[in-house]
Protein backbone atom coordinates (compact mmCIF):
# COMPACT_ATOMS: atom_id res chain seq x y z
CA UNK A 1 -81.27 123.77 -103.05
CA UNK A 2 -77.91 125.00 -104.22
CA UNK A 3 -75.19 121.97 -105.63
CA UNK A 4 -72.27 121.37 -102.97
CA UNK A 5 -69.15 123.24 -104.49
CA UNK A 6 -66.45 120.12 -104.10
CA UNK A 7 -63.41 120.69 -101.86
CA UNK A 8 -60.56 121.17 -103.87
CA UNK A 9 -57.04 118.85 -102.39
CA UNK A 10 -56.71 116.44 -100.67
CA UNK A 11 -58.06 115.46 -97.63
CA UNK A 12 -56.24 115.09 -93.59
CA UNK A 13 -55.50 111.84 -93.05
CA UNK A 14 -53.47 109.28 -90.59
CA UNK A 15 -49.91 109.32 -91.20
CA UNK A 16 -50.32 105.26 -91.68
CA UNK A 17 -52.37 105.74 -94.40
CA UNK A 18 -49.78 108.86 -95.79
CA UNK A 19 -50.61 107.47 -100.23
CA UNK A 20 -53.90 105.82 -99.67
CA UNK A 21 -56.26 106.54 -101.87
CA UNK A 22 -59.75 104.98 -103.06
CA UNK A 23 -61.32 104.81 -106.26
CA UNK A 24 -63.91 102.91 -108.03
CA UNK A 25 -63.98 101.88 -111.67
CA UNK A 26 -66.31 102.15 -114.27
CA UNK A 27 -67.04 97.92 -113.32
CA UNK A 28 -67.86 98.97 -110.15
CA UNK A 29 -64.84 97.95 -108.71
CA UNK A 30 -62.97 99.62 -105.57
CA UNK A 31 -59.64 100.21 -106.54
CA UNK A 32 -57.12 100.83 -103.59
CA UNK A 33 -53.37 102.09 -102.91
CA UNK A 34 -52.94 99.90 -99.80
CA UNK A 35 -54.36 95.97 -99.83
CA UNK A 36 -57.16 95.29 -97.73
CA UNK A 37 -55.74 93.35 -95.61
CA UNK A 38 -53.30 95.89 -94.25
CA UNK A 39 -56.59 98.60 -94.20
CA UNK A 40 -58.44 95.83 -92.23
CA UNK A 41 -55.36 95.46 -88.71
CA UNK A 42 -54.93 100.08 -89.41
CA UNK A 43 -58.81 100.05 -89.02
CA UNK A 44 -58.63 97.05 -85.77
CA UNK A 45 -56.23 99.30 -83.70
CA UNK A 46 -57.03 101.75 -84.18
CA UNK A 47 -61.26 102.68 -84.58
CA UNK A 48 -63.69 101.48 -81.73
CA UNK A 49 -67.12 99.64 -83.38
CA UNK A 50 -70.01 100.15 -81.33
CA UNK A 51 -70.92 96.54 -82.83
CA UNK A 52 -68.08 95.18 -81.13
CA UNK A 53 -68.35 96.24 -77.89
CA UNK A 54 -71.28 94.25 -76.40
CA UNK A 55 -69.36 90.79 -77.76
CA UNK A 56 -66.12 92.26 -75.75
CA UNK A 57 -67.81 92.80 -72.63
CA UNK A 58 -69.50 89.07 -72.32
CA UNK A 59 -66.27 87.20 -73.54
CA UNK A 60 -63.75 88.94 -70.86
CA UNK A 61 -65.38 87.11 -68.13
CA UNK A 62 -65.53 83.77 -70.00
CA UNK A 63 -61.65 84.46 -70.24
CA UNK A 64 -60.75 85.53 -66.71
CA UNK A 65 -62.82 81.59 -65.46
CA UNK A 66 -60.95 79.84 -67.96
CA UNK A 67 -57.87 81.73 -67.20
CA UNK A 68 -57.95 80.44 -63.23
CA UNK A 69 -59.51 77.60 -64.53
CA UNK A 70 -56.65 76.81 -65.87
CA UNK A 71 -54.39 77.79 -62.79
CA UNK A 72 -55.97 75.77 -60.52
CA UNK A 73 -55.28 72.29 -62.84
């Protein structure tokens, strides 16, 4: 099986992640040019999490019931 040739240049990225780089140093530590919290906010806004779909679907009816209960009081 032939070895894969490494791609040259930088990959295309979302405009909000422009300049984002991630590396792993010799100690196995992840080094990034963007704070982890900012990266998590970006991912929460732009990526659909398959595992959370069921949770969100289950929570929606409960939230509606709570709102209706609050309005009745």
